[in-house]
């Protein structure tokens, strides 16, 4: 394999890594989507009753599968010649797709917190959101629960 092909493959891998990392979004209490900006939200107040760490599973979408399939197909195409090369290309693409999907799930997995809040009206609800090192809530702390549609966050 010549140097140009090797450099092209390395650049492709780097490009795919950048694309996958650009798809990662945050689900912390202080992060709003573009659609949530300038929208009316309801606010309730309460006190934190309990906090526990949780793991928020990652996404397993088409980006990781496609990137892995491309990389696997390219890698497989370098094996053998003729029909063997075609079979290796397909096998590499399939295996790469599976590995890419698994990698995307691992890469997008987040540490989270389950926050149980006793609302001022007496109801008790639990909310799960991405852990935010800048806003570590404490048991007994007074908080706001901000809601718009199906999206809810607990903040100071």
N, C-alpha and C. Protein backbone atom coordinates (compact mmCIF):
# COMPACT_ATOMS: atom_id res chain seq x y z
N UNK A 1 0.85 -1.17 0.00
CA UNK A 1 0.00 0.00 0.00
C UNK A 1 0.90 1.23 0.00
N UNK A 2 0.60 2.18 -0.89
CA UNK A 2 1.47 3.35 -0.97
C UNK A 2 1.09 4.40 0.09
N UNK A 3 1.98 5.37 0.26
CA UNK A 3 1.81 6.39 1.30
C UNK A 3 0.55 7.24 1.09
N UNK A 4 0.21 7.55 -0.16
CA UNK A 4 -0.96 8.37 -0.45
C UNK A 4 -2.23 7.69 0.03
N UNK A 5 -2.35 6.39 -0.20
CA UNK A 5 -3.54 5.64 0.24
C UNK A 5 -3.60 5.62 1.77
N UNK A 6 -2.46 5.41 2.42
CA UNK A 6 -2.43 5.39 3.89
C UNK A 6 -2.84 6.75 4.46
N UNK A 7 -2.31 7.82 3.91
CA UNK A 7 -2.65 9.16 4.39
C UNK A 7 -4.13 9.44 4.15
N UNK A 8 -4.65 9.04 3.00
CA UNK A 8 -6.08 9.24 2.71
C UNK A 8 -6.95 8.51 3.73
N UNK A 9 -6.57 7.33 4.09
CA UNK A 9 -7.35 6.55 5.06
C UNK A 9 -7.29 7.20 6.45
N UNK A 10 -6.14 7.68 6.84
CA UNK A 10 -6.02 8.35 8.14
C UNK A 10 -6.87 9.61 8.17
N UNK A 11 -6.83 10.38 7.08
CA UNK A 11 -7.65 11.59 7.01
C UNK A 11 -9.13 11.26 7.05
N UNK A 12 -9.54 10.17 6.39
CA UNK A 12 -10.94 9.75 6.42
C UNK A 12 -11.35 9.37 7.84
N UNK A 13 -10.51 8.66 8.55
CA UNK A 13 -10.80 8.28 9.94
C UNK A 13 -10.95 9.52 10.81
N UNK A 14 -10.06 10.48 10.65
CA UNK A 14 -10.13 11.71 11.44
C UNK A 14 -11.41 12.49 11.12
N UNK A 15 -11.77 12.57 9.85
CA UNK A 15 -12.99 13.26 9.45
C UNK A 15 -14.22 12.59 10.05
N UNK A 16 -14.26 11.27 10.02
CA UNK A 16 -15.39 10.54 10.59
C UNK A 16 -15.47 10.75 12.10
N UNK A 17 -14.34 10.79 12.77
CA UNK A 17 -14.33 11.04 14.22
C UNK A 17 -14.89 12.42 14.53
N UNK A 18 -14.54 13.42 13.72
CA UNK A 18 -15.06 14.77 13.92
C UNK A 18 -16.56 14.80 13.70
N UNK A 19 -17.04 14.12 12.66
CA UNK A 19 -18.47 14.08 12.36
C UNK A 19 -19.23 13.44 13.51
N UNK A 20 -18.75 12.31 14.01
CA UNK A 20 -19.43 11.62 15.11
C UNK A 20 -19.42 12.48 16.36
N UNK A 21 -18.32 13.12 16.68
CA UNK A 21 -18.26 13.94 17.89
C UNK A 21 -19.16 15.16 17.78
N UNK A 22 -19.41 15.65 16.59
CA UNK A 22 -20.29 16.79 16.40
C UNK A 22 -21.75 16.47 16.63
N UNK A 23 -22.09 15.19 16.66
CA UNK A 23 -23.47 14.77 16.85
C UNK A 23 -23.84 14.61 18.32
N UNK A 24 -22.89 14.78 19.21
CA UNK A 24 -23.13 14.58 20.62
C UNK A 24 -23.79 15.83 21.19
N UNK A 25 -24.91 15.66 21.90
CA UNK A 25 -25.58 16.80 22.51
C UNK A 25 -25.62 16.61 24.02
N UNK A 26 -25.84 17.70 24.72
CA UNK A 26 -25.88 17.66 26.17
C UNK A 26 -27.32 17.69 26.65
N UNK A 27 -27.59 16.98 27.71
CA UNK A 27 -28.93 16.94 28.30
C UNK A 27 -28.91 17.39 29.75
N UNK A 28 -28.04 18.32 30.06
CA UNK A 28 -27.93 18.85 31.42
C UNK A 28 -29.03 19.86 31.70
N UNK A 29 -29.13 20.29 32.95
CA UNK A 29 -30.16 21.23 33.35
C UNK A 29 -30.00 22.61 32.77
N UNK A 30 -28.81 22.98 32.35
CA UNK A 30 -28.55 24.32 31.83
C UNK A 30 -28.46 24.39 30.32
N UNK A 31 -28.80 23.32 29.62
CA UNK A 31 -28.66 23.29 28.16
C UNK A 31 -30.05 23.26 27.52
N UNK A 32 -30.26 24.19 26.61
CA UNK A 32 -31.53 24.27 25.89
C UNK A 32 -31.28 24.03 24.40
N UNK A 33 -32.24 23.40 23.74
CA UNK A 33 -32.14 23.24 22.29
C UNK A 33 -32.56 24.56 21.64
N UNK A 34 -32.24 24.70 20.39
CA UNK A 34 -32.61 25.91 19.64
C UNK A 34 -34.14 26.07 19.63
N UNK A 35 -34.87 24.97 19.52
CA UNK A 35 -36.33 25.03 19.50
C UNK A 35 -36.94 25.48 20.82
N UNK A 36 -36.22 25.26 21.92
CA UNK A 36 -36.74 25.65 23.24
C UNK A 36 -36.55 27.14 23.52
N UNK A 37 -35.64 27.77 22.83
CA UNK A 37 -35.40 29.20 23.05
C UNK A 37 -36.64 30.00 22.65
N UNK A 38 -36.92 31.01 23.44
CA UNK A 38 -38.04 31.93 23.20
C UNK A 38 -39.40 31.24 23.25
N UNK A 39 -39.50 30.15 24.00
CA UNK A 39 -40.76 29.44 24.18
C UNK A 39 -41.22 29.58 25.63
N UNK A 40 -42.52 29.56 25.83
CA UNK A 40 -43.06 29.62 27.18
C UNK A 40 -42.89 28.27 27.85
N UNK A 41 -42.44 28.30 29.11
CA UNK A 41 -42.24 27.09 29.89
C UNK A 41 -42.93 27.25 31.23
N UNK A 42 -43.40 26.15 31.79
CA UNK A 42 -43.98 26.21 33.12
C UNK A 42 -42.88 25.97 34.14
N UNK A 43 -43.03 26.60 35.29
CA UNK A 43 -42.03 26.48 36.35
C UNK A 43 -42.75 26.09 37.64
N UNK A 44 -42.24 25.06 38.29
CA UNK A 44 -42.72 24.67 39.61
C UNK A 44 -41.53 24.72 40.55
N UNK A 45 -41.82 24.88 41.83
CA UNK A 45 -40.75 24.94 42.82
C UNK A 45 -40.88 23.77 43.78
N UNK A 46 -39.76 23.37 44.34
CA UNK A 46 -39.77 22.28 45.30
C UNK A 46 -38.43 22.15 45.99
N UNK A 47 -38.29 21.05 46.72
CA UNK A 47 -37.07 20.78 47.48
C UNK A 47 -36.55 19.40 47.07
N UNK A 48 -35.25 19.29 46.89
CA UNK A 48 -34.62 18.02 46.52
C UNK A 48 -34.71 17.07 47.71
N UNK A 49 -35.30 15.91 47.48
CA UNK A 49 -35.44 14.88 48.51
C UNK A 49 -34.33 13.83 48.43
N UNK A 50 -33.91 13.53 47.20
CA UNK A 50 -32.93 12.45 47.01
C UNK A 50 -32.21 12.66 45.67
N UNK A 51 -30.95 12.30 45.62
CA UNK A 51 -30.17 12.35 44.38
C UNK A 51 -29.38 11.06 44.27
N UNK A 52 -29.39 10.47 43.09
CA UNK A 52 -28.54 9.29 42.87
C UNK A 52 -27.95 9.33 41.47
N UNK A 53 -26.71 8.86 41.35
CA UNK A 53 -26.08 8.84 40.02
C UNK A 53 -26.70 7.74 39.16
N UNK A 54 -26.84 8.02 37.89
CA UNK A 54 -27.35 7.04 36.92
C UNK A 54 -26.50 7.13 35.66
N UNK A 55 -26.67 6.17 34.79
CA UNK A 55 -25.99 6.17 33.50
C UNK A 55 -27.05 6.33 32.41
N UNK A 56 -26.88 7.33 31.57
CA UNK A 56 -27.81 7.56 30.46
C UNK A 56 -27.22 6.88 29.24
N UNK A 57 -27.93 5.88 28.72
CA UNK A 57 -27.39 5.12 27.59
C UNK A 57 -27.18 6.01 26.38
N UNK A 58 -26.23 5.63 25.56
CA UNK A 58 -25.91 6.40 24.37
C UNK A 58 -26.83 6.08 23.21
N UNK A 59 -26.71 6.86 22.17
CA UNK A 59 -27.50 6.62 20.97
C UNK A 59 -26.77 5.65 20.07
N UNK A 60 -27.52 4.87 19.36
CA UNK A 60 -26.95 3.95 18.39
C UNK A 60 -27.64 4.24 17.07
N UNK A 61 -27.16 5.25 16.41
CA UNK A 61 -27.81 5.72 15.19
C UNK A 61 -27.04 5.34 13.94
N UNK A 62 -27.32 6.04 12.88
CA UNK A 62 -26.74 5.72 11.59
C UNK A 62 -25.33 6.25 11.40
N UNK A 63 -24.94 7.27 12.18
CA UNK A 63 -23.61 7.87 11.98
C UNK A 63 -22.51 6.86 12.27
N UNK A 64 -22.57 6.23 13.45
CA UNK A 64 -21.55 5.25 13.81
C UNK A 64 -21.56 4.04 12.90
N UNK A 65 -22.75 3.57 12.55
CA UNK A 65 -22.87 2.42 11.66
C UNK A 65 -22.29 2.73 10.29
N UNK A 66 -22.66 3.90 9.74
CA UNK A 66 -22.16 4.28 8.42
C UNK A 66 -20.65 4.48 8.43
N UNK A 67 -20.16 5.21 9.44
CA UNK A 67 -18.72 5.46 9.52
C UNK A 67 -17.95 4.15 9.66
N UNK A 68 -18.41 3.29 10.55
CA UNK A 68 -17.75 1.99 10.73
C UNK A 68 -17.81 1.14 9.48
N UNK A 69 -18.96 1.18 8.78
CA UNK A 69 -19.10 0.41 7.55
C UNK A 69 -18.15 0.87 6.47
N UNK A 70 -17.99 2.18 6.35
CA UNK A 70 -17.07 2.74 5.36
C UNK A 70 -15.63 2.34 5.68
N UNK A 71 -15.26 2.54 6.94
CA UNK A 71 -13.89 2.20 7.35
C UNK A 71 -13.64 0.70 7.20
N UNK A 72 -14.60 -0.12 7.62
CA UNK A 72 -14.45 -1.57 7.49
C UNK A 72 -14.38 -2.01 6.04
N UNK A 73 -15.19 -1.38 5.19
CA UNK A 73 -15.16 -1.71 3.76
C UNK A 73 -13.84 -1.36 3.13
N UNK A 74 -13.30 -0.20 3.49
CA UNK A 74 -12.00 0.22 2.96
C UNK A 74 -10.91 -0.74 3.44
N UNK A 75 -10.96 -1.06 4.72
CA UNK A 75 -9.96 -1.99 5.26
C UNK A 75 -10.08 -3.37 4.60
N UNK A 76 -11.30 -3.83 4.42
CA UNK A 76 -11.52 -5.15 3.80
C UNK A 76 -11.09 -5.20 2.35
N UNK A 77 -11.18 -4.08 1.65
CA UNK A 77 -10.83 -4.05 0.23
C UNK A 77 -9.33 -4.25 -0.02
N UNK A 78 -8.55 -4.07 1.04
CA UNK A 78 -7.10 -4.24 0.88
C UNK A 78 -6.67 -5.69 1.03
N UNK A 79 -7.61 -6.57 1.40
CA UNK A 79 -7.29 -7.98 1.63
C UNK A 79 -7.52 -8.77 0.35
N UNK A 80 -6.59 -9.60 0.01
CA UNK A 80 -6.73 -10.51 -1.12
C UNK A 80 -6.84 -9.81 -2.46
N UNK A 81 -7.34 -10.57 -3.42
CA UNK A 81 -7.51 -10.04 -4.76
C UNK A 81 -8.70 -10.72 -5.41
N UNK A 82 -9.29 -10.11 -6.41
CA UNK A 82 -10.41 -10.69 -7.14
C UNK A 82 -11.63 -10.88 -6.26
N UNK A 83 -12.19 -12.11 -6.34
CA UNK A 83 -13.40 -12.42 -5.56
C UNK A 83 -13.15 -12.36 -4.06
N UNK A 84 -11.98 -12.77 -3.64
CA UNK A 84 -11.62 -12.73 -2.21
C UNK A 84 -11.65 -11.31 -1.69
N UNK A 85 -11.20 -10.38 -2.50
CA UNK A 85 -11.20 -8.97 -2.11
C UNK A 85 -12.63 -8.46 -1.97
N UNK A 86 -13.52 -8.86 -2.87
CA UNK A 86 -14.92 -8.44 -2.81
C UNK A 86 -15.60 -8.98 -1.55
N UNK A 87 -15.33 -10.23 -1.24
CA UNK A 87 -15.91 -10.83 -0.03
C UNK A 87 -15.37 -10.14 1.22
N UNK A 88 -14.06 -9.88 1.22
CA UNK A 88 -13.45 -9.21 2.37
C UNK A 88 -13.99 -7.79 2.52
N UNK A 89 -14.27 -7.11 1.41
CA UNK A 89 -14.83 -5.76 1.47
C UNK A 89 -16.20 -5.78 2.13
N UNK A 90 -17.05 -6.71 1.70
CA UNK A 90 -18.40 -6.83 2.28
C UNK A 90 -18.31 -7.20 3.76
N UNK A 91 -17.50 -8.19 4.08
CA UNK A 91 -17.35 -8.63 5.47
C UNK A 91 -16.81 -7.48 6.33
N UNK A 92 -15.84 -6.75 5.79
CA UNK A 92 -15.28 -5.61 6.52
C UNK A 92 -16.31 -4.53 6.76
N UNK A 93 -17.16 -4.28 5.75
CA UNK A 93 -18.19 -3.25 5.88
C UNK A 93 -19.22 -3.64 6.94
N UNK A 94 -19.63 -4.91 6.93
CA UNK A 94 -20.61 -5.38 7.92
C UNK A 94 -20.02 -5.32 9.33
N UNK A 95 -18.82 -5.89 9.48
CA UNK A 95 -18.17 -5.87 10.80
C UNK A 95 -17.91 -4.44 11.25
N UNK A 96 -17.47 -3.58 10.35
CA UNK A 96 -17.22 -2.18 10.68
C UNK A 96 -18.49 -1.47 11.10
N UNK A 97 -19.60 -1.78 10.44
CA UNK A 97 -20.89 -1.17 10.81
C UNK A 97 -21.30 -1.53 12.22
N UNK A 98 -21.12 -2.81 12.58
CA UNK A 98 -21.47 -3.27 13.93
C UNK A 98 -20.57 -2.59 14.96
N UNK A 99 -19.28 -2.58 14.69
CA UNK A 99 -18.33 -1.96 15.62
C UNK A 99 -18.59 -0.45 15.71
N UNK A 100 -18.90 0.18 14.58
CA UNK A 100 -19.19 1.61 14.57
C UNK A 100 -20.42 1.96 15.40
N UNK A 101 -21.47 1.14 15.31
CA UNK A 101 -22.68 1.36 16.11
C UNK A 101 -22.37 1.22 17.59
N UNK A 102 -21.57 0.21 17.94
CA UNK A 102 -21.19 0.02 19.34
C UNK A 102 -20.34 1.19 19.84
N UNK A 103 -19.44 1.66 19.00
CA UNK A 103 -18.58 2.78 19.38
C UNK A 103 -19.40 4.05 19.58
N UNK A 104 -20.38 4.28 18.71
CA UNK A 104 -21.23 5.46 18.85
C UNK A 104 -22.01 5.40 20.16
N UNK A 105 -22.53 4.23 20.51
CA UNK A 105 -23.28 4.09 21.76
C UNK A 105 -22.38 4.39 22.95
N UNK A 106 -21.16 3.88 22.93
CA UNK A 106 -20.22 4.13 24.03
C UNK A 106 -19.83 5.61 24.09
N UNK A 107 -19.61 6.21 22.94
CA UNK A 107 -19.16 7.60 22.86
C UNK A 107 -20.22 8.58 23.34
N UNK A 108 -21.49 8.25 23.10
CA UNK A 108 -22.57 9.17 23.45
C UNK A 108 -23.20 8.85 24.81
N UNK A 109 -22.72 7.83 25.49
CA UNK A 109 -23.20 7.49 26.83
C UNK A 109 -22.79 8.59 27.80
N UNK A 110 -23.67 8.94 28.73
CA UNK A 110 -23.40 10.06 29.65
C UNK A 110 -23.67 9.66 31.10
N UNK A 111 -22.92 10.30 31.99
CA UNK A 111 -23.21 10.20 33.42
C UNK A 111 -24.41 11.11 33.69
N UNK A 112 -25.34 10.62 34.50
CA UNK A 112 -26.52 11.41 34.80
C UNK A 112 -26.85 11.37 36.27
N UNK A 113 -27.91 12.09 36.63
CA UNK A 113 -28.42 12.06 37.99
C UNK A 113 -29.93 11.92 37.96
N UNK A 114 -30.44 11.17 38.91
CA UNK A 114 -31.88 11.10 39.13
C UNK A 114 -32.15 11.98 40.35
N UNK A 115 -32.94 13.02 40.15
CA UNK A 115 -33.22 13.98 41.21
C UNK A 115 -34.70 13.82 41.61
N UNK A 116 -34.93 13.46 42.87
CA UNK A 116 -36.29 13.35 43.37
C UNK A 116 -36.65 14.66 44.07
N UNK A 117 -37.76 15.27 43.63
CA UNK A 117 -38.18 16.58 44.13
C UNK A 117 -39.56 16.47 44.78
N UNK A 118 -39.67 17.04 45.99
CA UNK A 118 -40.98 17.21 46.62
C UNK A 118 -41.44 18.62 46.24
N UNK A 119 -42.47 18.66 45.40
CA UNK A 119 -42.99 19.95 44.92
C UNK A 119 -43.76 20.65 46.03
N UNK A 120 -43.90 21.96 45.89
CA UNK A 120 -44.62 22.75 46.88
C UNK A 120 -46.07 22.29 47.06
N UNK A 121 -46.64 21.67 46.02
CA UNK A 121 -48.02 21.19 46.12
C UNK A 121 -48.11 19.80 46.76
N UNK A 122 -46.95 19.25 47.18
CA UNK A 122 -46.94 17.96 47.89
C UNK A 122 -46.59 16.76 47.02
N UNK A 123 -46.66 16.89 45.71
CA UNK A 123 -46.32 15.76 44.86
C UNK A 123 -44.82 15.51 44.88
N UNK A 124 -44.45 14.25 44.70
CA UNK A 124 -43.04 13.87 44.63
C UNK A 124 -42.80 13.26 43.27
N UNK A 125 -41.79 13.80 42.55
CA UNK A 125 -41.47 13.30 41.21
C UNK A 125 -39.96 13.14 41.09
N UNK A 126 -39.56 12.21 40.25
CA UNK A 126 -38.14 12.01 39.97
C UNK A 126 -37.85 12.46 38.54
N UNK A 127 -36.70 13.10 38.36
CA UNK A 127 -36.28 13.62 37.06
C UNK A 127 -34.87 13.12 36.78
N UNK A 128 -34.62 12.70 35.56
CA UNK A 128 -33.29 12.25 35.17
C UNK A 128 -32.74 13.24 34.15
N UNK A 129 -31.51 13.68 34.40
CA UNK A 129 -30.85 14.58 33.48
C UNK A 129 -29.35 14.33 33.52
N UNK A 130 -28.66 14.82 32.51
CA UNK A 130 -27.22 14.66 32.46
C UNK A 130 -26.57 15.37 33.64
N UNK A 131 -25.56 14.75 34.23
CA UNK A 131 -24.84 15.36 35.34
C UNK A 131 -24.09 16.59 34.84
N UNK A 132 -24.16 17.65 35.61
CA UNK A 132 -23.49 18.90 35.24
C UNK A 132 -22.56 19.29 36.38
N UNK A 133 -21.24 19.14 36.19
CA UNK A 133 -20.30 19.47 37.26
C UNK A 133 -20.41 20.92 37.74
N UNK A 134 -20.90 21.81 36.89
CA UNK A 134 -21.03 23.21 37.27
C UNK A 134 -22.25 23.46 38.15
N UNK A 135 -23.19 22.53 38.15
CA UNK A 135 -24.41 22.70 38.95
C UNK A 135 -24.73 21.40 39.67
N UNK A 136 -24.04 21.16 40.76
CA UNK A 136 -24.26 19.96 41.56
C UNK A 136 -25.34 20.29 42.59
N UNK A 137 -26.50 19.66 42.41
CA UNK A 137 -27.61 19.90 43.33
C UNK A 137 -27.39 19.12 44.62
N UNK A 138 -27.98 19.60 45.72
CA UNK A 138 -27.82 18.97 47.03
C UNK A 138 -29.19 18.62 47.60
N UNK A 139 -29.24 17.54 48.38
CA UNK A 139 -30.46 17.18 49.10
C UNK A 139 -30.81 18.33 50.03
N UNK A 140 -32.10 18.70 50.06
CA UNK A 140 -32.56 19.79 50.90
C UNK A 140 -32.55 21.14 50.20
N UNK A 141 -31.96 21.20 49.03
CA UNK A 141 -31.87 22.46 48.29
C UNK A 141 -33.19 22.79 47.60
N UNK A 142 -33.54 24.08 47.60
CA UNK A 142 -34.74 24.54 46.89
C UNK A 142 -34.39 24.66 45.41
N UNK A 143 -35.25 24.11 44.55
CA UNK A 143 -34.98 24.07 43.11
C UNK A 143 -36.21 24.49 42.31
N UNK A 144 -35.93 24.76 41.04
CA UNK A 144 -36.99 25.03 40.06
C UNK A 144 -37.08 23.83 39.14
N UNK A 145 -38.29 23.44 38.79
CA UNK A 145 -38.51 22.39 37.79
C UNK A 145 -39.13 23.09 36.59
N UNK A 146 -38.37 23.14 35.49
CA UNK A 146 -38.79 23.86 34.29
C UNK A 146 -39.25 22.83 33.26
N UNK A 147 -40.45 23.04 32.73
CA UNK A 147 -41.04 22.06 31.81
C UNK A 147 -41.59 22.73 30.57
N UNK A 148 -41.34 22.09 29.44
CA UNK A 148 -41.96 22.47 28.16
C UNK A 148 -42.25 21.17 27.43
N UNK A 149 -43.50 20.84 27.27
CA UNK A 149 -43.85 19.58 26.60
C UNK A 149 -43.31 18.40 27.39
N UNK A 150 -42.57 17.53 26.72
CA UNK A 150 -42.01 16.35 27.37
C UNK A 150 -40.62 16.61 27.96
N UNK A 151 -40.11 17.82 27.83
CA UNK A 151 -38.76 18.13 28.31
C UNK A 151 -38.86 18.82 29.65
N UNK A 152 -38.18 18.25 30.64
CA UNK A 152 -38.17 18.81 31.99
C UNK A 152 -36.76 18.85 32.49
N UNK A 153 -36.40 19.90 33.24
CA UNK A 153 -35.07 20.00 33.84
C UNK A 153 -35.20 20.56 35.24
N UNK A 154 -34.26 20.18 36.10
CA UNK A 154 -34.22 20.67 37.47
C UNK A 154 -33.00 21.59 37.57
N UNK A 155 -33.25 22.84 38.06
CA UNK A 155 -32.16 23.82 38.19
C UNK A 155 -32.32 24.59 39.48
N UNK A 156 -31.30 25.35 39.79
CA UNK A 156 -31.37 26.24 40.96
C UNK A 156 -32.26 27.40 40.67
